[in-house]
Amino acid sequence: MRKGILVALAFMLVACGGNNDKHYYQLPIAPQASDDGQRLPSAVGARHVWLSRVNVSDYLAGSGVVFQESDVRYVTASNNLWASPLEQQLQQTMVANLSNALPGVLVSASQAQGDQDQLEFNVTGFHGRYDGRAIIQGEWLLTHNGQVSRHPFILALKQDQDGYDALVRTLAQGWLQIGKDAAGQISRLP
């Protein structure tokens, strides 16, 4: 009898000891500028930017949010997960960010017929770091009139608070900043 009580107690401790609640994260999309009567560009006659793809490094391609624990060690969270694939979230939010930053330009993830600029992102860092910073690193490639230009980026943004919620918000702010930088370059093209 005493052995049965000890076994039951051990099972209760194991059951209560671990928190297996899963949390899912989606990158927020920045609010659109207020409607000032501008019409959205139509597909006919509008300049078109095709965001052909966003590639992420293999260690970022899993479902878990990545955290860098030291200069050489990274962990992928098992209970703090992306709500949809990170590549997909990055592409969707970048289309929205560029559309907001480039009024009069049709930005899409679909290829159109005719002349268009092509944009591709290669993301090698999109994670939290042990010093409280959110790291976003990689490059974007722009093909304009048959010419390809390469634009590397690296951001190390300080998180305002601890935790995964704050990390995801900070990563989203950094991704928005990269979109604004890309939009600035695109807007200066002839």
N, C-alpha and C. Protein backbone atom coordinates (compact mmCIF):
# COMPACT_ATOMS: atom_id res chain seq x y z
N MET A 1 0.83 -1.19 0.00
CA MET A 1 0.00 0.00 0.00
C MET A 1 0.87 1.25 0.00
N ARG A 2 1.88 1.24 0.84
CA ARG A 2 2.76 2.40 0.92
C ARG A 2 3.48 2.61 -0.42
N LYS A 3 3.86 1.52 -1.06
CA LYS A 3 4.53 1.60 -2.36
C LYS A 3 3.57 2.20 -3.41
N GLY A 4 2.30 1.84 -3.36
CA GLY A 4 1.30 2.37 -4.28
C GLY A 4 1.11 3.86 -4.11
N ILE A 5 1.14 4.34 -2.86
CA ILE A 5 1.01 5.77 -2.60
C ILE A 5 2.22 6.52 -3.15
N LEU A 6 3.41 5.95 -2.97
CA LEU A 6 4.62 6.59 -3.48
C LEU A 6 4.61 6.66 -5.01
N VAL A 7 4.14 5.59 -5.65
CA VAL A 7 4.05 5.59 -7.11
C VAL A 7 3.04 6.63 -7.58
N ALA A 8 1.90 6.70 -6.94
CA ALA A 8 0.88 7.69 -7.31
C ALA A 8 1.41 9.11 -7.10
N LEU A 9 2.10 9.33 -6.00
CA LEU A 9 2.69 10.64 -5.72
C LEU A 9 3.73 11.01 -6.79
N ALA A 10 4.54 10.03 -7.19
CA ALA A 10 5.55 10.27 -8.22
C ALA A 10 4.89 10.66 -9.54
N PHE A 11 3.80 9.96 -9.91
CA PHE A 11 3.09 10.29 -11.14
C PHE A 11 2.51 11.70 -11.08
N MET A 12 1.98 12.09 -9.93
CA MET A 12 1.42 13.43 -9.78
C MET A 12 2.50 14.50 -9.92
N LEU A 13 3.67 14.25 -9.35
CA LEU A 13 4.76 15.21 -9.45
C LEU A 13 5.22 15.37 -10.89
N VAL A 14 5.31 14.25 -11.61
CA VAL A 14 5.73 14.31 -13.01
C VAL A 14 4.68 15.06 -13.83
N ALA A 15 3.41 14.78 -13.59
CA ALA A 15 2.33 15.43 -14.34
C ALA A 15 2.30 16.92 -14.09
N CYS A 16 2.53 17.35 -12.86
CA CYS A 16 2.46 18.77 -12.52
C CYS A 16 3.77 19.50 -12.78
N GLY A 17 4.86 18.76 -12.86
CA GLY A 17 6.18 19.37 -12.95
C GLY A 17 6.46 20.05 -14.26
N GLY A 18 5.93 19.57 -15.34
CA GLY A 18 6.24 20.16 -16.64
C GLY A 18 5.08 20.96 -17.19
N ASN A 19 5.40 22.09 -17.76
CA ASN A 19 4.38 22.91 -18.39
C ASN A 19 4.49 22.68 -19.90
N ASN A 20 3.54 21.96 -20.45
CA ASN A 20 3.58 21.63 -21.87
C ASN A 20 2.64 22.48 -22.70
N ASP A 21 2.23 23.63 -22.17
CA ASP A 21 1.37 24.52 -22.94
C ASP A 21 2.15 25.05 -24.13
N LYS A 22 1.57 24.92 -25.29
CA LYS A 22 2.20 25.43 -26.50
C LYS A 22 1.66 26.83 -26.79
N HIS A 23 2.53 27.71 -27.21
CA HIS A 23 2.17 29.07 -27.55
C HIS A 23 2.56 29.29 -29.02
N TYR A 24 1.65 29.88 -29.79
CA TYR A 24 1.88 30.08 -31.21
C TYR A 24 1.99 31.57 -31.50
N TYR A 25 2.95 31.92 -32.36
CA TYR A 25 3.24 33.33 -32.64
C TYR A 25 3.09 33.64 -34.13
N GLN A 26 2.50 34.79 -34.39
CA GLN A 26 2.33 35.31 -35.74
C GLN A 26 2.93 36.70 -35.75
N LEU A 27 3.74 37.01 -36.76
CA LEU A 27 4.30 38.35 -36.86
C LEU A 27 3.17 39.34 -37.12
N PRO A 28 3.11 40.41 -36.33
CA PRO A 28 2.07 41.41 -36.59
C PRO A 28 2.41 42.21 -37.84
N ILE A 29 1.39 42.61 -38.55
CA ILE A 29 1.57 43.46 -39.73
C ILE A 29 1.34 44.89 -39.28
N ALA A 30 2.26 45.76 -39.68
CA ALA A 30 2.16 47.17 -39.29
C ALA A 30 0.87 47.75 -39.83
N PRO A 31 0.22 48.63 -39.07
CA PRO A 31 -1.01 49.25 -39.57
C PRO A 31 -0.74 50.05 -40.83
N GLN A 32 -1.70 50.02 -41.72
CA GLN A 32 -1.59 50.74 -42.98
C GLN A 32 -1.77 52.23 -42.71
N ALA A 33 -1.16 53.03 -43.58
CA ALA A 33 -1.33 54.48 -43.47
C ALA A 33 -2.80 54.81 -43.64
N SER A 34 -3.20 55.93 -43.07
CA SER A 34 -4.61 56.31 -43.16
C SER A 34 -5.00 56.54 -44.62
N ASP A 35 -6.23 56.24 -44.92
CA ASP A 35 -6.73 56.39 -46.28
C ASP A 35 -6.90 57.87 -46.58
N ASP A 36 -6.07 58.37 -47.47
CA ASP A 36 -6.15 59.79 -47.83
C ASP A 36 -6.72 59.96 -49.24
N GLY A 37 -7.51 58.99 -49.65
CA GLY A 37 -8.12 59.07 -50.97
C GLY A 37 -7.28 58.47 -52.07
N GLN A 38 -6.07 57.98 -51.74
CA GLN A 38 -5.26 57.36 -52.76
C GLN A 38 -5.87 56.03 -53.15
N ARG A 39 -5.85 55.79 -54.43
CA ARG A 39 -6.36 54.51 -54.91
C ARG A 39 -5.22 53.51 -54.93
N LEU A 40 -5.57 52.27 -54.71
CA LEU A 40 -4.59 51.21 -54.86
C LEU A 40 -4.22 51.09 -56.33
N PRO A 41 -2.95 50.75 -56.60
CA PRO A 41 -2.55 50.62 -58.00
C PRO A 41 -3.28 49.46 -58.65
N SER A 42 -3.65 49.64 -59.89
CA SER A 42 -4.25 48.53 -60.62
C SER A 42 -3.14 47.73 -61.26
N ALA A 43 -3.43 46.53 -61.65
CA ALA A 43 -2.43 45.67 -62.27
C ALA A 43 -2.01 46.21 -63.64
N VAL A 44 -2.87 46.96 -64.29
CA VAL A 44 -2.56 47.48 -65.61
C VAL A 44 -1.87 48.84 -65.47
N GLY A 45 -0.68 48.93 -65.99
CA GLY A 45 0.02 50.20 -66.02
C GLY A 45 0.77 50.55 -64.74
N ALA A 46 0.58 49.83 -63.68
CA ALA A 46 1.27 50.14 -62.43
C ALA A 46 2.66 49.49 -62.44
N ARG A 47 3.58 50.15 -61.78
CA ARG A 47 4.87 49.52 -61.57
C ARG A 47 4.64 48.31 -60.67
N HIS A 48 5.33 47.22 -60.96
CA HIS A 48 5.10 45.99 -60.23
C HIS A 48 6.41 45.49 -59.62
N VAL A 49 6.36 45.19 -58.32
CA VAL A 49 7.48 44.56 -57.63
C VAL A 49 7.01 43.18 -57.21
N TRP A 50 7.72 42.18 -57.69
CA TRP A 50 7.40 40.79 -57.38
C TRP A 50 8.34 40.30 -56.30
N LEU A 51 7.79 40.02 -55.13
CA LEU A 51 8.57 39.41 -54.05
C LEU A 51 8.54 37.91 -54.29
N SER A 52 9.54 37.43 -55.02
CA SER A 52 9.51 36.05 -55.50
C SER A 52 9.64 35.03 -54.38
N ARG A 53 10.44 35.35 -53.37
CA ARG A 53 10.55 34.41 -52.25
C ARG A 53 11.34 34.99 -51.11
N VAL A 54 11.13 34.35 -49.97
CA VAL A 54 11.93 34.61 -48.78
C VAL A 54 12.50 33.26 -48.36
N ASN A 55 13.80 33.17 -48.35
CA ASN A 55 14.48 31.95 -47.91
C ASN A 55 14.99 32.17 -46.49
N VAL A 56 14.87 31.14 -45.65
CA VAL A 56 15.46 31.21 -44.32
C VAL A 56 16.47 30.07 -44.17
N SER A 57 17.49 30.30 -43.37
CA SER A 57 18.47 29.26 -43.09
C SER A 57 17.78 28.06 -42.47
N ASP A 58 18.38 26.90 -42.65
CA ASP A 58 17.79 25.65 -42.16
C ASP A 58 17.43 25.69 -40.68
N TYR A 59 18.28 26.28 -39.85
CA TYR A 59 18.01 26.28 -38.42
C TYR A 59 16.80 27.14 -38.05
N LEU A 60 16.36 28.01 -38.96
CA LEU A 60 15.19 28.85 -38.73
C LEU A 60 13.92 28.25 -39.33
N ALA A 61 14.07 27.21 -40.15
CA ALA A 61 12.95 26.69 -40.93
C ALA A 61 12.01 25.79 -40.13
N GLY A 62 12.36 25.43 -38.91
CA GLY A 62 11.48 24.60 -38.11
C GLY A 62 10.31 25.40 -37.57
N SER A 63 9.46 24.74 -36.81
CA SER A 63 8.27 25.41 -36.28
C SER A 63 8.54 26.21 -35.01
N GLY A 64 9.65 25.95 -34.34
CA GLY A 64 9.94 26.63 -33.09
C GLY A 64 10.68 27.95 -33.28
N VAL A 65 10.41 28.90 -32.37
CA VAL A 65 11.14 30.16 -32.33
C VAL A 65 12.55 29.86 -31.86
N VAL A 66 13.56 30.46 -32.49
CA VAL A 66 14.96 30.16 -32.19
C VAL A 66 15.52 31.20 -31.22
N PHE A 67 16.35 30.69 -30.29
CA PHE A 67 17.01 31.55 -29.32
C PHE A 67 18.48 31.17 -29.26
N GLN A 68 19.35 32.17 -29.31
CA GLN A 68 20.80 31.95 -29.22
C GLN A 68 21.21 32.06 -27.75
N GLU A 69 21.66 30.94 -27.18
CA GLU A 69 22.01 30.89 -25.76
C GLU A 69 23.43 31.35 -25.46
N SER A 70 24.34 31.22 -26.41
CA SER A 70 25.72 31.66 -26.25
C SER A 70 26.26 32.00 -27.62
N ASP A 71 27.55 32.28 -27.68
CA ASP A 71 28.12 32.64 -28.98
C ASP A 71 28.09 31.48 -29.97
N VAL A 72 27.92 30.23 -29.49
CA VAL A 72 27.95 29.07 -30.38
C VAL A 72 26.74 28.14 -30.24
N ARG A 73 25.84 28.41 -29.31
CA ARG A 73 24.74 27.48 -29.06
C ARG A 73 23.39 28.14 -29.33
N TYR A 74 22.59 27.46 -30.14
CA TYR A 74 21.23 27.90 -30.48
C TYR A 74 20.26 26.81 -30.06
N VAL A 75 19.08 27.22 -29.60
CA VAL A 75 18.03 26.26 -29.27
C VAL A 75 16.76 26.67 -30.01
N THR A 76 16.00 25.64 -30.36
CA THR A 76 14.70 25.86 -30.98
C THR A 76 13.65 25.51 -29.95
N ALA A 77 12.79 26.45 -29.66
CA ALA A 77 11.76 26.23 -28.64
C ALA A 77 10.82 25.11 -29.07
N SER A 78 10.40 24.32 -28.10
CA SER A 78 9.45 23.25 -28.41
C SER A 78 8.03 23.65 -28.04
N ASN A 79 7.85 24.66 -27.21
CA ASN A 79 6.51 25.10 -26.81
C ASN A 79 6.17 26.50 -27.29
N ASN A 80 7.13 27.19 -27.89
CA ASN A 80 6.91 28.53 -28.43
C ASN A 80 7.15 28.44 -29.93
N LEU A 81 6.04 28.33 -30.67
CA LEU A 81 6.08 27.94 -32.07
C LEU A 81 5.53 29.04 -32.98
N TRP A 82 5.98 29.02 -34.23
CA TRP A 82 5.41 29.91 -35.23
C TRP A 82 4.04 29.37 -35.62
N ALA A 83 3.06 30.24 -35.73
CA ALA A 83 1.69 29.83 -36.06
C ALA A 83 1.60 29.30 -37.49
N SER A 84 2.45 29.79 -38.37
CA SER A 84 2.56 29.29 -39.74
C SER A 84 4.05 29.34 -40.08
N PRO A 85 4.47 28.68 -41.16
CA PRO A 85 5.91 28.66 -41.46
C PRO A 85 6.51 30.07 -41.49
N LEU A 86 7.69 30.19 -40.92
CA LEU A 86 8.34 31.50 -40.83
C LEU A 86 8.55 32.12 -42.21
N GLU A 87 8.98 31.34 -43.19
CA GLU A 87 9.16 31.88 -44.55
C GLU A 87 7.87 32.54 -45.04
N GLN A 88 6.75 31.87 -44.81
CA GLN A 88 5.44 32.39 -45.25
C GLN A 88 5.11 33.68 -44.51
N GLN A 89 5.32 33.72 -43.20
CA GLN A 89 5.03 34.93 -42.43
C GLN A 89 5.91 36.09 -42.88
N LEU A 90 7.19 35.82 -43.11
CA LEU A 90 8.09 36.88 -43.55
C LEU A 90 7.68 37.43 -44.91
N GLN A 91 7.27 36.55 -45.82
CA GLN A 91 6.85 37.02 -47.14
C GLN A 91 5.56 37.84 -47.05
N GLN A 92 4.59 37.35 -46.31
CA GLN A 92 3.31 38.07 -46.20
C GLN A 92 3.49 39.44 -45.56
N THR A 93 4.26 39.50 -44.48
CA THR A 93 4.45 40.79 -43.82
C THR A 93 5.28 41.74 -44.68
N MET A 94 6.26 41.20 -45.44
CA MET A 94 7.07 42.07 -46.30
C MET A 94 6.22 42.63 -47.44
N VAL A 95 5.35 41.84 -48.02
CA VAL A 95 4.45 42.36 -49.06
C VAL A 95 3.61 43.50 -48.48
N ALA A 96 3.06 43.30 -47.29
CA ALA A 96 2.25 44.35 -46.66
C ALA A 96 3.09 45.58 -46.35
N ASN A 97 4.30 45.38 -45.81
CA ASN A 97 5.17 46.51 -45.45
C ASN A 97 5.58 47.30 -46.69
N LEU A 98 5.96 46.60 -47.75
CA LEU A 98 6.37 47.29 -48.98
C LEU A 98 5.18 47.99 -49.64
N SER A 99 4.02 47.35 -49.62
CA SER A 99 2.82 47.97 -50.19
C SER A 99 2.50 49.27 -49.48
N ASN A 100 2.66 49.28 -48.17
CA ASN A 100 2.40 50.48 -47.38
C ASN A 100 3.44 51.57 -47.66
N ALA A 101 4.69 51.15 -47.84
CA ALA A 101 5.78 52.11 -48.03
C ALA A 101 5.92 52.59 -49.47
N LEU A 102 5.30 51.88 -50.42
CA LEU A 102 5.42 52.24 -51.83
C LEU A 102 4.04 52.48 -52.45
N PRO A 103 3.37 53.56 -52.06
CA PRO A 103 2.05 53.82 -52.66
C PRO A 103 2.20 54.01 -54.16
N GLY A 104 1.27 53.47 -54.90
CA GLY A 104 1.33 53.57 -56.36
C GLY A 104 2.11 52.46 -57.02
N VAL A 105 2.70 51.57 -56.22
CA VAL A 105 3.43 50.42 -56.75
C VAL A 105 2.68 49.17 -56.35
N LEU A 106 2.49 48.27 -57.29
CA LEU A 106 1.84 47.01 -57.01
C LEU A 106 2.89 46.03 -56.51
N VAL A 107 2.81 45.65 -55.25
CA VAL A 107 3.73 44.69 -54.65
C VAL A 107 2.97 43.41 -54.41
N SER A 108 3.51 42.31 -54.89
CA SER A 108 2.81 41.04 -54.71
C SER A 108 3.79 39.88 -54.65
N ALA A 109 3.28 38.75 -54.20
CA ALA A 109 4.05 37.52 -54.16
C ALA A 109 3.79 36.69 -55.41
N SER A 110 3.07 37.27 -56.36
CA SER A 110 2.74 36.58 -57.61
C SER A 110 3.43 37.27 -58.77
N GLN A 111 3.94 36.46 -59.67
CA GLN A 111 4.59 37.00 -60.85
C GLN A 111 3.53 37.47 -61.84
N ALA A 112 3.76 38.62 -62.41
CA ALA A 112 2.84 39.17 -63.41
C ALA A 112 3.50 39.13 -64.78
N GLN A 113 2.71 39.35 -65.79
CA GLN A 113 3.27 39.44 -67.13
C GLN A 113 3.82 40.84 -67.33
N GLY A 114 4.82 40.94 -68.17
CA GLY A 114 5.39 42.25 -68.48
C GLY A 114 6.56 42.58 -67.57
N ASP A 115 6.96 43.85 -67.64
CA ASP A 115 8.11 44.31 -66.86
C ASP A 115 7.77 44.36 -65.38
N GLN A 116 8.70 43.90 -64.59
CA GLN A 116 8.54 43.95 -63.14
C GLN A 116 9.92 43.86 -62.50
N ASP A 117 10.03 44.44 -61.36
CA ASP A 117 11.23 44.26 -60.55
C ASP A 117 11.03 43.00 -59.73
N GLN A 118 12.11 42.28 -59.50
CA GLN A 118 12.03 41.06 -58.69
C GLN A 118 12.85 41.25 -57.43
N LEU A 119 12.27 40.83 -56.32
CA LEU A 119 12.90 40.98 -55.02
C LEU A 119 12.95 39.62 -54.36
N GLU A 120 14.09 39.31 -53.75
CA GLU A 120 14.25 38.04 -53.03
C GLU A 120 15.01 38.32 -51.74
N PHE A 121 14.57 37.69 -50.66
CA PHE A 121 15.24 37.83 -49.36
C PHE A 121 15.86 36.51 -48.95
N ASN A 122 17.08 36.57 -48.43
CA ASN A 122 17.75 35.42 -47.84
C ASN A 122 18.02 35.79 -46.38
N VAL A 123 17.31 35.13 -45.47
CA VAL A 123 17.39 35.47 -44.05
C VAL A 123 18.24 34.42 -43.34
N THR A 124 19.36 34.87 -42.77
CA THR A 124 20.27 33.96 -42.06
C THR A 124 20.19 34.11 -40.55
N GLY A 125 19.50 35.12 -40.08
CA GLY A 125 19.29 35.32 -38.65
C GLY A 125 17.93 35.95 -38.40
N PHE A 126 17.14 35.32 -37.54
CA PHE A 126 15.84 35.86 -37.15
C PHE A 126 15.50 35.20 -35.83
N HIS A 127 16.17 35.68 -34.77
CA HIS A 127 16.10 34.99 -33.49
C HIS A 127 16.42 35.93 -32.33
N GLY A 128 16.15 35.43 -31.13
CA GLY A 128 16.53 36.15 -29.93
C GLY A 128 17.94 35.77 -29.53
N ARG A 129 18.56 36.63 -28.72
CA ARG A 129 19.93 36.37 -28.28
C ARG A 129 20.04 36.58 -26.77
N TYR A 130 20.97 35.89 -26.16
CA TYR A 130 21.19 35.87 -24.72
C TYR A 130 21.37 37.25 -24.09
N ASP A 131 21.75 38.26 -24.86
CA ASP A 131 21.97 39.60 -24.31
C ASP A 131 20.72 40.49 -24.41
N GLY A 132 19.57 39.88 -24.72
CA GLY A 132 18.32 40.63 -24.79
C GLY A 132 18.09 41.35 -26.10
N ARG A 133 18.78 40.93 -27.13
CA ARG A 133 18.62 41.55 -28.44
C ARG A 133 17.94 40.58 -29.41
N ALA A 134 17.22 41.15 -30.34
CA ALA A 134 16.62 40.39 -31.44
C ALA A 134 17.51 40.59 -32.66
N ILE A 135 17.91 39.50 -33.28
CA ILE A 135 18.86 39.54 -34.38
C ILE A 135 18.13 39.24 -35.69
N ILE A 136 18.33 40.12 -36.67
CA ILE A 136 17.81 39.91 -38.01
C ILE A 136 18.97 40.15 -38.97
N GLN A 137 19.28 39.13 -39.75
CA GLN A 137 20.45 39.21 -40.61
C GLN A 137 20.18 38.51 -41.93
N GLY A 138 20.81 39.00 -42.98
CA GLY A 138 20.69 38.38 -44.29
C GLY A 138 20.98 39.37 -45.39
N GLU A 139 20.29 39.18 -46.50
CA GLU A 139 20.46 40.08 -47.64
C GLU A 139 19.19 40.04 -48.48
N TRP A 140 19.00 41.10 -49.22
CA TRP A 140 17.94 41.08 -50.23
C TRP A 140 18.57 41.39 -51.56
N LEU A 141 18.01 40.75 -52.59
CA LEU A 141 18.49 40.91 -53.96
C LEU A 141 17.38 41.55 -54.77
N LEU A 142 17.73 42.56 -55.53
CA LEU A 142 16.77 43.25 -56.38
C LEU A 142 17.22 43.14 -57.82
N THR A 143 16.34 42.64 -58.66
CA THR A 143 16.60 42.59 -60.09
C THR A 143 15.76 43.68 -60.75
N HIS A 144 16.45 44.64 -61.37
CA HIS A 144 15.80 45.78 -62.01
C HIS A 144 16.45 45.95 -63.38
N ASN A 145 15.64 45.92 -64.43
CA ASN A 145 16.13 46.03 -65.80
C ASN A 145 17.27 45.07 -66.11
N GLY A 146 17.15 43.84 -65.60
CA GLY A 146 18.15 42.81 -65.85
C GLY A 146 19.39 42.90 -64.99
N GLN A 147 19.50 43.92 -64.17
CA GLN A 147 20.66 44.09 -63.30
C GLN A 147 20.30 43.67 -61.87
N VAL A 148 21.17 42.88 -61.24
CA VAL A 148 20.93 42.41 -59.88
C VAL A 148 21.81 43.19 -58.92
N SER A 149 21.18 43.72 -57.88
CA SER A 149 21.94 44.39 -56.82
C SER A 149 21.71 43.65 -55.51
N ARG A 150 22.76 43.57 -54.71
CA ARG A 150 22.75 42.84 -53.43
C ARG A 150 22.80 43.86 -52.29
N HIS A 151 21.92 43.65 -51.29
CA HIS A 151 21.82 44.58 -50.16
C HIS A 151 21.84 43.80 -48.85
N PRO A 152 23.01 43.67 -48.21
CA PRO A 152 23.06 42.95 -46.93
C PRO A 152 22.43 43.77 -45.81
N PHE A 153 21.93 43.09 -44.80
CA PHE A 153 21.39 43.76 -43.62
C PHE A 153 21.74 42.97 -42.36
N ILE A 154 21.90 43.69 -41.28
CA ILE A 154 22.05 43.08 -39.96
C ILE A 154 21.53 44.07 -38.93
N LEU A 155 20.61 43.60 -38.11
CA LEU A 155 20.06 44.40 -37.03
C LEU A 155 20.20 43.63 -35.72
N ALA A 156 20.53 44.34 -34.67
CA ALA A 156 20.54 43.78 -33.32
C ALA A 156 19.74 44.75 -32.46
N LEU A 157 18.44 44.50 -32.36
CA LEU A 157 17.52 45.41 -31.68
C LEU A 157 17.31 45.00 -30.23
N LYS A 158 17.35 45.97 -29.35
CA LYS A 158 17.12 45.71 -27.92
C LYS A 158 15.65 45.47 -27.67
N GLN A 159 15.36 44.38 -26.95
CA GLN A 159 13.97 44.10 -26.56
C GLN A 159 13.59 44.99 -25.38
N ASP A 160 12.35 45.49 -25.40
CA ASP A 160 11.86 46.33 -24.30
C ASP A 160 11.55 45.50 -23.06
N GLN A 161 11.16 44.25 -23.27
CA GLN A 161 10.78 43.36 -22.17
C GLN A 161 11.34 41.98 -22.44
N ASP A 162 11.27 41.12 -21.41
CA ASP A 162 11.66 39.73 -21.56
C ASP A 162 10.50 38.93 -22.13
N GLY A 163 10.80 37.77 -22.67
CA GLY A 163 9.77 36.85 -23.10
C GLY A 163 9.60 36.77 -24.60
N TYR A 164 8.91 35.72 -25.00
CA TYR A 164 8.70 35.46 -26.42
C TYR A 164 7.78 36.49 -27.08
N ASP A 165 6.77 36.98 -26.38
CA ASP A 165 5.89 38.00 -26.97
C ASP A 165 6.71 39.22 -27.38
N ALA A 166 7.56 39.69 -26.46
CA ALA A 166 8.39 40.86 -26.74
C ALA A 166 9.39 40.56 -27.86
N LEU A 167 9.94 39.35 -27.87
CA LEU A 167 10.88 38.97 -28.92
C LEU A 167 10.22 39.03 -30.29
N VAL A 168 9.04 38.45 -30.42
CA VAL A 168 8.35 38.43 -31.71
C VAL A 168 7.99 39.85 -32.14
N ARG A 169 7.54 40.68 -31.22
CA ARG A 169 7.23 42.08 -31.57
C ARG A 169 8.48 42.82 -32.04
N THR A 170 9.61 42.59 -31.37
CA THR A 170 10.86 43.25 -31.75
C THR A 170 11.35 42.75 -33.10
N LEU A 171 11.24 41.45 -33.35
CA LEU A 171 11.60 40.91 -34.66
C LEU A 171 10.73 41.53 -35.75
N ALA A 172 9.44 41.69 -35.48
CA ALA A 172 8.52 42.30 -36.46
C ALA A 172 8.91 43.76 -36.72
N GLN A 173 9.31 44.49 -35.69
CA GLN A 173 9.74 45.88 -35.88
C GLN A 173 10.99 45.94 -36.75
N GLY A 174 11.91 45.03 -36.52
CA GLY A 174 13.12 44.98 -37.34
C GLY A 174 12.82 44.63 -38.79
N TRP A 175 11.91 43.69 -38.99
CA TRP A 175 11.52 43.30 -40.36
C TRP A 175 10.85 44.46 -41.08
N LEU A 176 10.05 45.24 -40.33
CA LEU A 176 9.44 46.45 -40.89
C LEU A 176 10.52 47.45 -41.30
N GLN A 177 11.53 47.61 -40.47
CA GLN A 177 12.63 48.53 -40.77
C GLN A 177 13.37 48.10 -42.04
N ILE A 178 13.60 46.81 -42.19
CA ILE A 178 14.26 46.31 -43.40
C ILE A 178 13.39 46.57 -44.62
N GLY A 179 12.09 46.40 -44.47
CA GLY A 179 11.17 46.70 -45.56
C GLY A 179 11.21 48.17 -45.95
N LYS A 180 11.28 49.05 -44.96
CA LYS A 180 11.36 50.49 -45.26
C LYS A 180 12.67 50.82 -45.98
N ASP A 181 13.77 50.17 -45.57
CA ASP A 181 15.05 50.39 -46.25
C ASP A 181 14.97 49.92 -47.70
N ALA A 182 14.37 48.74 -47.92
CA ALA A 182 14.22 48.22 -49.29
C ALA A 182 13.32 49.14 -50.11
N ALA A 183 12.24 49.61 -49.51
CA ALA A 183 11.32 50.51 -50.22
C ALA A 183 12.04 51.80 -50.62
N GLY A 184 12.89 52.30 -49.74
CA GLY A 184 13.66 53.50 -50.07
C GLY A 184 14.55 53.29 -51.28
N GLN A 185 15.20 52.15 -51.36
CA GLN A 185 16.04 51.84 -52.51
C GLN A 185 15.20 51.68 -53.78
N ILE A 186 14.08 50.98 -53.65
CA ILE A 186 13.22 50.74 -54.81
C ILE A 186 12.63 52.05 -55.33
N SER A 187 12.24 52.94 -54.42
CA SER A 187 11.62 54.19 -54.85
C SER A 187 12.59 55.09 -55.61
N ARG A 188 13.87 54.91 -55.44
CA ARG A 188 14.86 55.73 -56.14
C ARG A 188 15.22 55.19 -57.52
N LEU A 189 14.70 54.04 -57.88
CA LEU A 189 15.01 53.45 -59.18
C LEU A 189 14.28 54.21 -60.29
N PRO A 190 14.92 54.31 -61.46
CA PRO A 190 14.26 55.00 -62.59
C PRO A 190 13.06 54.21 -63.11
